[in-house]
Amino acid sequence: EKNGKWIEINANPHRLDLDWRTCLEIRDRGILFIINPDAHNTKGIADNRYGINVARKAGLTKEHVANTRSLKEFVSLLKK
């Protein structure tokens, strides 16, 4: 958090390289996440559900995930 970095949860089912247990450790350090479907076409956007499942299993809430915020809040986070 102090470095202003976010951690990506890549929701592509062929990736899913961030395990929910690792998310717990990262969450406890106060680092924000961003869920990315890694979509290369419009059908790929539906893959977001896999990233959401990882986030839920790790107990992440909207406060932990940057791209669950309103546009105004998201822009504010970008400026930090």
PDB file of N, CA and C in Angstrom:
ATOM      1  N   GLU A   1       0.831  -1.202   0.000  1.00  0.00           N
ATOM      2  CA  GLU A   1       0.000   0.000   0.000  1.00  0.00           C
ATOM      3  C   GLU A   1       0.866   1.252   0.000  1.00  0.00           C
ATOM      4  N   LYS A   2       1.895   1.267   0.803  1.00  0.00           N
ATOM      5  CA  LYS A   2       2.715   2.475   0.888  1.00  0.00           C
ATOM      6  C   LYS A   2       3.430   2.799  -0.416  1.00  0.00           C
ATOM      7  N   ASN A   3       3.560   1.819  -1.305  1.00  0.00           N
ATOM      8  CA  ASN A   3       4.182   2.059  -2.604  1.00  0.00           C
ATOM      9  C   ASN A   3       3.166   2.384  -3.683  1.00  0.00           C
ATOM     10  N   GLY A   4       1.886   2.373  -3.347  1.00  0.00           N
ATOM     11  CA  GLY A   4       0.850   2.716  -4.306  1.00  0.00           C
ATOM     12  C   GLY A   4       0.620   1.667  -5.379  1.00  0.00           C
ATOM     13  N   LYS A   5       0.976   0.433  -5.106  1.00  0.00           N
ATOM     14  CA  LYS A   5       0.795  -0.648  -6.084  1.00  0.00           C
ATOM     15  C   LYS A   5      -0.492  -1.410  -5.801  1.00  0.00           C
ATOM     16  N   TRP A   6      -1.060  -1.961  -6.854  1.00  0.00           N
ATOM     17  CA  TRP A   6      -2.218  -2.841  -6.744  1.00  0.00           C
ATOM     18  C   TRP A   6      -1.813  -4.208  -7.265  1.00  0.00           C
ATOM     19  N   ILE A   7      -2.507  -5.231  -6.806  1.00  0.00           N
ATOM     20  CA  ILE A   7      -2.257  -6.595  -7.267  1.00  0.00           C
ATOM     21  C   ILE A   7      -3.426  -7.033  -8.141  1.00  0.00           C
ATOM     22  N   GLU A   8      -3.092  -7.572  -9.301  1.00  0.00           N
ATOM     23  CA  GLU A   8      -4.115  -8.029 -10.241  1.00  0.00           C
ATOM     24  C   GLU A   8      -4.537  -9.462  -9.927  1.00  0.00           C
ATOM     25  N   ILE A   9      -5.849  -9.675  -9.887  1.00  0.00           N
ATOM     26  CA  ILE A   9      -6.395 -11.030  -9.914  1.00  0.00           C
ATOM     27  C   ILE A   9      -6.778 -11.265 -11.364  1.00  0.00           C
ATOM     28  N   ASN A  10      -5.968 -12.052 -12.068  1.00  0.00           N
ATOM     29  CA  ASN A  10      -6.226 -12.344 -13.474  1.00  0.00           C
ATOM     30  C   ASN A  10      -7.302 -13.417 -13.522  1.00  0.00           C
ATOM     31  N   ALA A  11      -8.473 -13.073 -14.055  1.00  0.00           N
ATOM     32  CA  ALA A  11      -9.637 -13.950 -14.016  1.00  0.00           C
ATOM     33  C   ALA A  11      -9.723 -14.921 -15.185  1.00  0.00           C
ATOM     34  N   ASN A  12      -8.756 -14.878 -16.083  1.00  0.00           N
ATOM     35  CA  ASN A  12      -8.777 -15.819 -17.198  1.00  0.00           C
ATOM     36  C   ASN A  12      -8.654 -17.233 -16.638  1.00  0.00           C
ATOM     37  N   PRO A  13      -9.585 -18.145 -16.983  1.00  0.00           N
ATOM     38  CA  PRO A  13      -9.552 -19.491 -16.393  1.00  0.00           C
ATOM     39  C   PRO A  13      -8.292 -20.287 -16.737  1.00  0.00           C
ATOM     40  N   HIS A  14      -7.568 -19.873 -17.753  1.00  0.00           N
ATOM     41  CA  HIS A  14      -6.314 -20.544 -18.096  1.00  0.00           C
ATOM     42  C   HIS A  14      -5.135 -19.972 -17.319  1.00  0.00           C
ATOM     43  N   ARG A  15      -5.378 -18.901 -16.587  1.00  0.00           N
ATOM     44  CA  ARG A  15      -4.325 -18.277 -15.784  1.00  0.00           C
ATOM     45  C   ARG A  15      -4.615 -18.508 -14.302  1.00  0.00           C
ATOM     46  N   LEU A  16      -5.506 -17.707 -13.749  1.00  0.00           N
ATOM     47  CA  LEU A  16      -5.839 -17.811 -12.322  1.00  0.00           C
ATOM     48  C   LEU A  16      -4.591 -18.093 -11.487  1.00  0.00           C
ATOM     49  N   ASP A  17      -3.551 -17.291 -11.717  1.00  0.00           N
ATOM     50  CA  ASP A  17      -2.270 -17.536 -11.075  1.00  0.00           C
ATOM     51  C   ASP A  17      -2.164 -17.000  -9.654  1.00  0.00           C
ATOM     52  N   LEU A  18      -3.203 -16.340  -9.167  1.00  0.00           N
ATOM     53  CA  LEU A  18      -3.179 -15.824  -7.802  1.00  0.00           C
ATOM     54  C   LEU A  18      -4.158 -16.637  -6.960  1.00  0.00           C
ATOM     55  N   ASP A  19      -3.628 -17.453  -6.089  1.00  0.00           N
ATOM     56  CA  ASP A  19      -4.413 -18.324  -5.228  1.00  0.00           C
ATOM     57  C   ASP A  19      -5.109 -17.507  -4.136  1.00  0.00           C
ATOM     58  N   TRP A  20      -6.263 -17.963  -3.688  1.00  0.00           N
ATOM     59  CA  TRP A  20      -7.012 -17.231  -2.664  1.00  0.00           C
ATOM     60  C   TRP A  20      -6.223 -17.102  -1.371  1.00  0.00           C
ATOM     61  N   ARG A  21      -5.383 -18.091  -1.048  1.00  0.00           N
ATOM     62  CA  ARG A  21      -4.583 -18.013   0.184  1.00  0.00           C
ATOM     63  C   ARG A  21      -3.545 -16.898   0.083  1.00  0.00           C
ATOM     64  N   THR A  22      -2.985 -16.728  -1.092  1.00  0.00           N
ATOM     65  CA  THR A  22      -2.045 -15.628  -1.309  1.00  0.00           C
ATOM     66  C   THR A  22      -2.776 -14.296  -1.209  1.00  0.00           C
ATOM     67  N   CYS A  23      -4.004 -14.268  -1.709  1.00  0.00           N
ATOM     68  CA  CYS A  23      -4.821 -13.050  -1.599  1.00  0.00           C
ATOM     69  C   CYS A  23      -5.029 -12.661  -0.142  1.00  0.00           C
ATOM     70  N   LEU A  24      -5.213 -13.652   0.731  1.00  0.00           N
ATOM     71  CA  LEU A  24      -5.367 -13.369   2.164  1.00  0.00           C
ATOM     72  C   LEU A  24      -4.139 -12.646   2.708  1.00  0.00           C
ATOM     73  N   GLU A  25      -2.963 -13.151   2.369  1.00  0.00           N
ATOM     74  CA  GLU A  25      -1.720 -12.535   2.841  1.00  0.00           C
ATOM     75  C   GLU A  25      -1.580 -11.108   2.321  1.00  0.00           C
ATOM     76  N   ILE A  26      -1.901 -10.919   1.053  1.00  0.00           N
ATOM     77  CA  ILE A  26      -1.802  -9.593   0.443  1.00  0.00           C
ATOM     78  C   ILE A  26      -2.816  -8.648   1.072  1.00  0.00           C
ATOM     79  N   ARG A  27      -4.040  -9.138   1.252  1.00  0.00           N
ATOM     80  CA  ARG A  27      -5.090  -8.325   1.876  1.00  0.00           C
ATOM     81  C   ARG A  27      -4.647  -7.846   3.249  1.00  0.00           C
ATOM     82  N   ASP A  28      -4.059  -8.752   4.029  1.00  0.00           N
ATOM     83  CA  ASP A  28      -3.643  -8.409   5.388  1.00  0.00           C
ATOM     84  C   ASP A  28      -2.517  -7.382   5.421  1.00  0.00           C
ATOM     85  N   ARG A  29      -1.852  -7.171   4.301  1.00  0.00           N
ATOM     86  CA  ARG A  29      -0.815  -6.129   4.202  1.00  0.00           C
ATOM     87  C   ARG A  29      -1.396  -4.781   3.788  1.00  0.00           C
ATOM     88  N   GLY A  30      -2.702  -4.764   3.507  1.00  0.00           N
ATOM     89  CA  GLY A  30      -3.356  -3.512   3.145  1.00  0.00           C
ATOM     90  C   GLY A  30      -3.199  -3.118   1.688  1.00  0.00           C
ATOM     91  N   ILE A  31      -2.820  -4.080   0.841  1.00  0.00           N
ATOM     92  CA  ILE A  31      -2.630  -3.799  -0.582  1.00  0.00           C
ATOM     93  C   ILE A  31      -3.948  -4.008  -1.312  1.00  0.00           C
ATOM     94  N   LEU A  32      -4.277  -3.112  -2.229  1.00  0.00           N
ATOM     95  CA  LEU A  32      -5.512  -3.221  -3.002  1.00  0.00           C
ATOM     96  C   LEU A  32      -5.361  -4.200  -4.160  1.00  0.00           C
ATOM     97  N   PHE A  33      -6.494  -4.733  -4.583  1.00  0.00           N
ATOM     98  CA  PHE A  33      -6.560  -5.648  -5.725  1.00  0.00           C
ATOM     99  C   PHE A  33      -7.326  -4.987  -6.857  1.00  0.00           C
ATOM    100  N   ILE A  34      -7.134  -5.526  -8.033  1.00  0.00           N
ATOM    101  CA  ILE A  34      -7.961  -5.176  -9.179  1.00  0.00           C
ATOM    102  C   ILE A  34      -8.246  -6.488  -9.911  1.00  0.00           C
ATOM    103  N   ILE A  35      -9.508  -6.720 -10.270  1.00  0.00           N
ATOM    104  CA  ILE A  35      -9.889  -7.945 -10.966  1.00  0.00           C
ATOM    105  C   ILE A  35      -9.923  -7.648 -12.456  1.00  0.00           C
ATOM    106  N   ASN A  36      -9.190  -8.470 -13.223  1.00  0.00           N
ATOM    107  CA  ASN A  36      -9.050  -8.263 -14.658  1.00  0.00           C
ATOM    108  C   ASN A  36      -9.442  -9.545 -15.387  1.00  0.00           C
ATOM    109  N   PRO A  37     -10.428  -9.485 -16.294  1.00  0.00           N
ATOM    110  CA  PRO A  37     -10.811 -10.698 -17.015  1.00  0.00           C
ATOM    111  C   PRO A  37      -9.783 -11.131 -18.057  1.00  0.00           C
ATOM    112  N   ASP A  38      -8.797 -10.283 -18.351  1.00  0.00           N
ATOM    113  CA  ASP A  38      -7.793 -10.581 -19.378  1.00  0.00           C
ATOM    114  C   ASP A  38      -8.482 -10.954 -20.692  1.00  0.00           C
ATOM    115  N   ALA A  39      -9.565 -10.228 -20.984  1.00  0.00           N
ATOM    116  CA  ALA A  39     -10.393 -10.533 -22.156  1.00  0.00           C
ATOM    117  C   ALA A  39      -9.723 -10.059 -23.438  1.00  0.00           C
ATOM    118  N   HIS A  40      -9.702 -10.936 -24.405  1.00  0.00           N
ATOM    119  CA  HIS A  40      -9.172 -10.600 -25.722  1.00  0.00           C
ATOM    120  C   HIS A  40     -10.293 -10.508 -26.747  1.00  0.00           C
ATOM    121  N   ASN A  41     -11.517 -10.693 -26.269  1.00  0.00           N
ATOM    122  CA  ASN A  41     -12.725 -10.502 -27.077  1.00  0.00           C
ATOM    123  C   ASN A  41     -13.886 -10.304 -26.101  1.00  0.00           C
ATOM    124  N   THR A  42     -15.053  -9.952 -26.608  1.00  0.00           N
ATOM    125  CA  THR A  42     -16.175  -9.634 -25.719  1.00  0.00           C
ATOM    126  C   THR A  42     -16.635 -10.834 -24.897  1.00  0.00           C
ATOM    127  N   LYS A  43     -16.503 -12.035 -25.418  1.00  0.00           N
ATOM    128  CA  LYS A  43     -16.890 -13.226 -24.648  1.00  0.00           C
ATOM    129  C   LYS A  43     -16.023 -13.393 -23.403  1.00  0.00           C
ATOM    130  N   GLY A  44     -14.789 -12.956 -23.490  1.00  0.00           N
ATOM    131  CA  GLY A  44     -13.861 -13.094 -22.374  1.00  0.00           C
ATOM    132  C   GLY A  44     -14.226 -12.273 -21.156  1.00  0.00           C
ATOM    133  N   ILE A  45     -15.068 -11.272 -21.329  1.00  0.00           N
ATOM    134  CA  ILE A  45     -15.477 -10.446 -20.190  1.00  0.00           C
ATOM    135  C   ILE A  45     -16.202 -11.289 -19.150  1.00  0.00           C
ATOM    136  N   ALA A  46     -16.910 -12.320 -19.592  1.00  0.00           N
ATOM    137  CA  ALA A  46     -17.627 -13.206 -18.669  1.00  0.00           C
ATOM    138  C   ALA A  46     -16.673 -13.941 -17.723  1.00  0.00           C
ATOM    139  N   ASP A  47     -15.392 -14.002 -18.061  1.00  0.00           N
ATOM    140  CA  ASP A  47     -14.419 -14.668 -17.194  1.00  0.00           C
ATOM    141  C   ASP A  47     -14.218 -13.936 -15.875  1.00  0.00           C
ATOM    142  N   ASN A  48     -14.712 -12.716 -15.786  1.00  0.00           N
ATOM    143  CA  ASN A  48     -14.613 -11.969 -14.531  1.00  0.00           C
ATOM    144  C   ASN A  48     -15.115 -12.795 -13.360  1.00  0.00           C
ATOM    145  N   ARG A  49     -16.091 -13.661 -13.615  1.00  0.00           N
ATOM    146  CA  ARG A  49     -16.676 -14.457 -12.525  1.00  0.00           C
ATOM    147  C   ARG A  49     -15.622 -15.314 -11.827  1.00  0.00           C
ATOM    148  N   TYR A  50     -14.610 -15.774 -12.553  1.00  0.00           N
ATOM    149  CA  TYR A  50     -13.567 -16.589 -11.929  1.00  0.00           C
ATOM    150  C   TYR A  50     -12.716 -15.758 -10.969  1.00  0.00           C
ATOM    151  N   GLY A  51     -12.421 -14.546 -11.357  1.00  0.00           N
ATOM    152  CA  GLY A  51     -11.682 -13.650 -10.472  1.00  0.00           C
ATOM    153  C   GLY A  51     -12.502 -13.251  -9.263  1.00  0.00           C
ATOM    154  N   ILE A  52     -13.786 -13.040  -9.476  1.00  0.00           N
ATOM    155  CA  ILE A  52     -14.682 -12.707  -8.365  1.00  0.00           C
ATOM    156  C   ILE A  52     -14.743 -13.871  -7.386  1.00  0.00           C
ATOM    157  N   ASN A  53     -14.773 -15.096  -7.899  1.00  0.00           N
ATOM    158  CA  ASN A  53     -14.789 -16.269  -7.017  1.00  0.00           C
ATOM    159  C   ASN A  53     -13.529 -16.352  -6.165  1.00  0.00           C
ATOM    160  N   VAL A  54     -12.369 -16.064  -6.753  1.00  0.00           N
ATOM    161  CA  VAL A  54     -11.117 -16.055  -5.988  1.00  0.00           C
ATOM    162  C   VAL A  54     -11.200 -14.990  -4.896  1.00  0.00           C
ATOM    163  N   ALA A  55     -11.662 -13.805  -5.264  1.00  0.00           N
ATOM    164  CA  ALA A  55     -11.770 -12.704  -4.301  1.00  0.00           C
ATOM    165  C   ALA A  55     -12.725 -13.058  -3.165  1.00  0.00           C
ATOM    166  N   ARG A  56     -13.849 -13.646  -3.497  1.00  0.00           N
ATOM    167  CA  ARG A  56     -14.820 -14.028  -2.459  1.00  0.00           C
ATOM    168  C   ARG A  56     -14.249 -15.085  -1.529  1.00  0.00           C
ATOM    169  N   LYS A  57     -13.577 -16.072  -2.091  1.00  0.00           N
ATOM    170  CA  LYS A  57     -13.004 -17.136  -1.266  1.00  0.00           C
ATOM    171  C   LYS A  57     -11.962 -16.570  -0.304  1.00  0.00           C
ATOM    172  N   ALA A  58     -11.277 -15.521  -0.719  1.00  0.00           N
ATOM    173  CA  ALA A  58     -10.279 -14.871   0.134  1.00  0.00           C
ATOM    174  C   ALA A  58     -10.916 -13.891   1.117  1.00  0.00           C
ATOM    175  N   GLY A  59     -12.231 -13.728   1.030  1.00  0.00           N
ATOM    176  CA  GLY A  59     -12.907 -12.812   1.939  1.00  0.00           C
ATOM    177  C   GLY A  59     -12.726 -11.351   1.588  1.00  0.00           C
ATOM    178  N   LEU A  60     -12.379 -11.079   0.336  1.00  0.00           N
ATOM    179  CA  LEU A  60     -12.208  -9.687  -0.074  1.00  0.00           C
ATOM    180  C   LEU A  60     -13.564  -9.013  -0.185  1.00  0.00           C
ATOM    181  N   THR A  61     -13.610  -7.760   0.180  1.00  0.00           N
ATOM    182  CA  THR A  61     -14.819  -6.953   0.046  1.00  0.00           C
ATOM    183  C   THR A  61     -14.554  -5.846  -0.966  1.00  0.00           C
ATOM    184  N   LYS A  62     -15.575  -5.053  -1.236  1.00  0.00           N
ATOM    185  CA  LYS A  62     -15.391  -3.971  -2.209  1.00  0.00           C
ATOM    186  C   LYS A  62     -14.310  -2.987  -1.768  1.00  0.00           C
ATOM    187  N   GLU A  63     -14.059  -2.900  -0.482  1.00  0.00           N
ATOM    188  CA  GLU A  63     -12.997  -2.017   0.003  1.00  0.00           C
ATOM    189  C   GLU A  63     -11.612  -2.526  -0.390  1.00  0.00           C
ATOM    190  N   HIS A  64     -11.505  -3.817  -0.674  1.00  0.00           N
ATOM    191  CA  HIS A  64     -10.221  -4.416  -1.043  1.00  0.00           C
ATOM    192  C   HIS A  64      -9.964  -4.417  -2.550  1.00  0.00           C
ATOM    193  N   VAL A  65     -11.017  -4.184  -3.345  1.00  0.00           N
ATOM    194  CA  VAL A  65     -10.913  -4.317  -4.808  1.00  0.00           C
ATOM    195  C   VAL A  65     -11.183  -2.958  -5.459  1.00  0.00           C
ATOM    196  N   ALA A  66     -10.167  -2.405  -6.085  1.00  0.00           N
ATOM    197  CA  ALA A  66     -10.250  -1.045  -6.626  1.00  0.00           C
ATOM    198  C   ALA A  66     -11.353  -0.880  -7.663  1.00  0.00           C
ATOM    199  N   ASN A  67     -11.520  -1.852  -8.552  1.00  0.00           N
ATOM    200  CA  ASN A  67     -12.499  -1.656  -9.622  1.00  0.00           C
ATOM    201  C   ASN A  67     -13.917  -2.087  -9.249  1.00  0.00           C
ATOM    202  N   THR A  68     -14.207  -2.065  -7.946  1.00  0.00           N
ATOM    203  CA  THR A  68     -15.599  -2.175  -7.492  1.00  0.00           C
ATOM    204  C   THR A  68     -16.118  -0.808  -7.053  1.00  0.00           C
ATOM    205  N   ARG A  69     -15.271   0.180  -7.097  1.00  0.00           N
ATOM    206  CA  ARG A  69     -15.606   1.530  -6.628  1.00  0.00           C
ATOM    207  C   ARG A  69     -16.340   2.318  -7.709  1.00  0.00           C
ATOM    208  N   SER A  70     -16.946   3.399  -7.272  1.00  0.00           N
ATOM    209  CA  SER A  70     -17.557   4.317  -8.236  1.00  0.00           C
ATOM    210  C   SER A  70     -16.438   4.947  -9.064  1.00  0.00           C
ATOM    211  N   LEU A  71     -16.803   5.535 -10.184  1.00  0.00           N
ATOM    212  CA  LEU A  71     -15.797   6.171 -11.035  1.00  0.00           C
ATOM    213  C   LEU A  71     -15.036   7.243 -10.264  1.00  0.00           C
ATOM    214  N   LYS A  72     -15.754   8.042  -9.500  1.00  0.00           N
ATOM    215  CA  LYS A  72     -15.125   9.115  -8.732  1.00  0.00           C
ATOM    216  C   LYS A  72     -14.122   8.541  -7.723  1.00  0.00           C
ATOM    217  N   GLU A  73     -14.517   7.486  -7.018  1.00  0.00           N
ATOM    218  CA  GLU A  73     -13.616   6.858  -6.047  1.00  0.00           C
ATOM    219  C   GLU A  73     -12.411   6.222  -6.740  1.00  0.00           C
ATOM    220  N   PHE A  74     -12.653   5.591  -7.887  1.00  0.00           N
ATOM    221  CA  PHE A  74     -11.577   4.936  -8.631  1.00  0.00           C
ATOM    222  C   PHE A  74     -10.542   5.960  -9.089  1.00  0.00           C
ATOM    223  N   VAL A  75     -11.010   7.067  -9.635  1.00  0.00           N
ATOM    224  CA  VAL A  75     -10.096   8.126 -10.085  1.00  0.00           C
ATOM    225  C   VAL A  75      -9.302   8.664  -8.899  1.00  0.00           C
ATOM    226  N   SER A  76      -9.955   8.795  -7.760  1.00  0.00           N
ATOM    227  CA  SER A  76      -9.266   9.259  -6.560  1.00  0.00           C
ATOM    228  C   SER A  76      -8.154   8.288  -6.150  1.00  0.00           C
ATOM    229  N   LEU A  77      -8.430   6.986  -6.260  1.00  0.00           N
ATOM    230  CA  LEU A  77      -7.404   5.980  -5.949  1.00  0.00           C
ATOM    231  C   LEU A  77      -6.219   6.084  -6.907  1.00  0.00           C
ATOM    232  N   LEU A  78      -6.500   6.361  -8.169  1.00  0.00           N
ATOM    233  CA  LEU A  78      -5.431   6.480  -9.165  1.00  0.00           C
ATOM    234  C   LEU A  78      -4.495   7.646  -8.852  1.00  0.00           C
ATOM    235  N   LYS A  79      -5.025   8.667  -8.216  1.00  0.00           N
ATOM    236  CA  LYS A  79      -4.231   9.859  -7.917  1.00  0.00           C
ATOM    237  C   LYS A  79      -3.340   9.684  -6.697  1.00  0.00           C
ATOM    238  N   LYS A  80      -3.550   8.621  -5.937  1.00  0.00           N
ATOM    239  CA  LYS A  80      -2.741   8.407  -4.724  1.00  0.00           C
ATOM    240  C   LYS A  80      -1.357   7.929  -5.075  1.00  0.00           C
TER     241      LYS A  80
END
